[in-house]
Protein backbone atom coordinates (compact mmCIF):
# COMPACT_ATOMS: atom_id res chain seq x y z
CA MET A 1 96.56 55.74 108.56
CA LYS A 2 93.60 57.97 107.80
CA HIS A 3 91.08 56.68 105.30
CA THR A 4 88.53 58.79 103.44
CA PRO A 5 85.38 56.87 102.49
CA ALA A 6 84.58 56.61 98.77
CA TRP A 7 81.21 58.38 99.23
CA LYS A 8 82.98 61.38 100.81
CA MET A 9 85.48 61.58 97.97
CA ARG A 10 82.66 61.44 95.40
CA MET A 11 80.67 64.06 97.32
CA ASP A 12 83.70 66.38 97.58
CA LYS A 13 84.45 65.91 93.90
CA GLY A 14 80.84 66.62 92.86
CA ILE A 15 80.46 69.68 95.07
CA GLY A 16 83.86 70.95 93.97
CA TRP A 17 82.87 70.51 90.32
CA LEU A 18 79.63 72.46 90.83
CA SER A 19 81.46 75.26 92.67
CA ARG A 20 84.12 75.47 89.96
CA ALA A 21 81.40 75.52 87.27
CA GLY A 22 79.68 78.44 89.02
CA MET A 23 82.99 80.24 89.32
CA ALA A 24 83.81 79.62 85.65
CA ILE A 25 80.45 81.01 84.53
CA GLY A 26 80.94 84.01 86.81
CA MET A 27 84.44 84.61 85.46
CA GLY A 28 83.11 84.43 81.92
CA TRP A 29 80.70 87.20 82.82
CA VAL A 30 83.56 89.27 84.25
CA LEU A 31 85.50 88.82 81.03
CA LEU A 32 82.50 89.99 79.00
CA MET A 33 82.03 92.88 81.42
CA MET A 34 85.67 93.90 80.90
CA PHE A 35 85.27 93.92 77.12
CA LEU A 36 82.00 95.84 77.35
CA THR A 37 83.48 98.44 79.69
CA THR A 38 86.62 98.83 77.57
CA LEU A 39 84.60 99.20 74.40
CA ASP A 40 82.27 101.68 76.10
CA VAL A 41 85.21 103.82 77.28
CA VAL A 42 86.88 103.75 73.85
CA LEU A 43 83.66 104.68 72.07
CA ARG A 44 82.80 107.34 74.65
CA TYR A 45 86.16 109.16 74.66
CA PHE A 46 87.34 108.70 71.09
CA PHE A 47 84.08 108.77 69.16
CA SER A 48 81.70 110.53 71.60
CA SER A 49 79.32 107.60 71.20
CA PRO A 50 78.95 105.52 74.39
CA ILE A 51 77.15 102.18 74.41
CA PRO A 52 73.61 102.79 75.70
CA GLY A 53 72.98 100.91 78.95
CA ALA A 54 76.57 99.70 79.33
CA LEU A 55 76.62 100.64 83.02
CA GLU A 56 73.36 98.79 83.63
CA VAL A 57 74.62 95.65 81.94
CA SER A 58 77.95 95.86 83.79
CA GLU A 59 76.16 96.09 87.14
CA ILE A 60 74.14 92.97 86.31
CA MET A 61 77.25 91.12 85.18
CA LEU A 62 79.09 92.02 88.39
CA ALA A 63 76.18 90.73 90.49
CA ILE A 64 76.20 87.45 88.54
CA PHE A 65 79.94 87.04 89.19
CA GLY A 66 79.56 87.63 92.92
CA ILE A 67 76.58 85.32 93.26
CA LEU A 68 78.08 82.42 91.33
CA GLY A 69 81.60 82.76 92.70
CA ILE A 70 80.82 82.71 96.40
CA ALA A 71 80.63 78.90 96.74
CA TYR A 72 84.02 78.43 95.08
CA THR A 73 85.52 81.15 97.26
CA HIS A 74 84.24 79.42 100.38
CA GLY A 75 85.32 75.98 99.14
CA VAL A 76 88.94 77.00 98.66
CA GLY A 77 89.00 78.82 102.02
CA ALA A 78 89.40 82.30 100.56
CA ASN A 79 86.64 83.84 102.69
CA VAL A 80 87.78 85.95 105.61
CA ARG A 81 87.98 83.89 108.79
CA VAL A 82 89.06 84.74 112.30
CA THR A 83 90.83 81.62 113.52
CA MET A 84 92.68 83.01 116.52
CA LEU A 85 90.46 81.13 119.01
CA VAL A 86 89.95 77.94 116.98
CA GLU A 87 93.69 77.40 116.52
CA LYS A 88 94.20 77.30 120.29
CA LEU A 89 91.47 74.73 120.94
CA PRO A 90 91.93 70.95 121.02
CA THR A 91 91.02 69.17 117.78
CA ARG A 92 87.59 67.97 118.85
CA ALA A 93 86.62 71.27 120.48
CA ALA A 94 87.62 73.15 117.33
CA ALA A 95 85.57 70.69 115.27
CA VAL A 96 82.53 71.25 117.53
CA LEU A 97 82.89 75.00 117.12
CA ASN A 98 83.23 74.61 113.34
CA LEU A 99 80.14 72.38 113.29
CA VAL A 100 78.08 74.90 115.27
CA THR A 101 79.15 77.83 113.08
CA GLY A 102 78.53 75.66 110.01
CA LEU A 103 74.99 74.91 111.20
CA LEU A 104 74.32 78.60 111.81
CA GLY A 105 75.74 79.56 108.42
CA PHE A 106 73.79 76.78 106.72
CA GLN A 107 70.57 77.99 108.30
CA ILE A 108 71.16 81.54 107.06
CA ILE A 109 72.10 80.37 103.57
CA ILE A 110 69.02 78.14 103.30
CA MET A 111 66.86 81.15 104.22
CA LEU A 112 68.66 83.06 101.47
CA VAL A 113 67.83 80.26 99.01
CA TRP A 114 64.17 80.31 100.04
CA TYR A 115 63.72 84.07 99.97
CA GLY A 116 65.74 84.32 96.75
CA VAL A 117 63.21 82.04 95.07
CA VAL A 118 60.33 84.06 96.55
CA MET A 119 61.93 87.31 95.39
CA GLY A 120 62.56 85.90 91.91
CA MET A 121 58.92 84.84 91.62
CA GLU A 122 57.77 88.31 92.70
CA GLU A 123 60.07 90.00 90.19
CA TYR A 124 58.74 87.71 87.48
CA ARG A 125 55.12 88.37 88.46
CA PHE A 126 55.62 92.15 88.56
CA GLY A 127 57.71 92.19 85.38
CA THR A 128 60.42 94.40 86.89
CA THR A 129 63.03 95.55 84.36
CA THR A 130 66.11 97.75 84.29
CA ASP A 131 65.52 101.45 83.67
CA SER A 132 67.14 102.19 80.35
CA LEU A 133 67.30 98.85 78.51
CA GLY A 134 64.26 97.13 79.97
CA ILE A 135 66.17 93.92 80.82
CA PRO A 136 63.99 91.66 83.00
CA LEU A 137 65.44 91.32 86.50
CA TYR A 138 63.87 88.03 87.54
CA PRO A 139 66.63 85.81 86.01
CA ILE A 140 69.22 87.60 88.12
CA HIS A 141 67.06 87.18 91.21
CA PHE A 142 66.75 83.44 90.47
CA LEU A 143 70.56 83.20 90.32
CA LEU A 144 70.79 84.23 93.98
CA PRO A 145 69.26 80.96 95.25
CA VAL A 146 71.45 78.98 92.81
CA GLY A 147 74.62 80.56 94.18
CA ALA A 148 73.40 80.27 97.77
CA PHE A 149 72.52 76.60 97.21
CA LEU A 150 76.03 75.93 95.91
CA LEU A 151 77.38 77.68 99.01
CA SER A 152 75.14 75.53 101.23
CA LEU A 153 76.64 72.41 99.63
CA GLU A 154 80.13 73.65 100.50
CA ILE A 155 79.00 74.28 104.08
CA VAL A 156 77.48 70.78 104.32
CA LYS A 157 80.79 69.35 103.11
CA GLU A 158 82.58 71.20 105.92
CA MET A 159 80.01 70.13 108.51
CA ILE A 160 80.46 66.47 107.54
CA ALA A 161 84.23 66.87 107.90
CA SER A 162 83.76 68.50 111.32
CA LEU A 163 81.39 65.76 112.45
CA SER A 164 83.87 63.12 111.35
CA GLU A 165 86.60 64.94 113.25
CA ILE A 166 84.44 65.03 116.38
CA ILE A 167 83.77 61.28 116.16
CA THR A 168 87.22 60.04 115.14
CA GLY A 169 89.45 62.73 116.62
CA HIS A 170 91.23 63.40 113.31
CA ALA A 171 90.35 65.15 110.09
CA LEU A 172 89.40 63.30 106.91
CA GLU A 173 91.89 63.81 104.11
């Protein structure tokens, strides 16, 4: 009988909660973006009075959704994966391959976290804003490392599962 340690269950639950929270915030932004776009279209075509900067705000909202939703997407396995080779490998070999790809992905995501913080600090220092409404861009740039960090937690969770599979020969439930 397979047994999952309590620390792993708590870790999975905590990371899952954070990913779902990011996704929920992102989905809230999409809902607001839908209302804004609908209102803009109605006002534009029926009253010839569009909402100034609606496109700008919608672009920002879409970026927020993508950034905050990526960890959840990865956590539920909805990212595109090519598993043709992995499915044909023995359990431990597949786990080794998953661990190696996890390490590579983790390294890239951690660089994204680091450079996202650097980019956010530069945007803050330069005071970069959107063209028509003058919305500061640095908060959006600081969301990139938040979303990437959440994704890195999901990758760490997978790497721990792969490492356990390499050691024990079976997956943790």
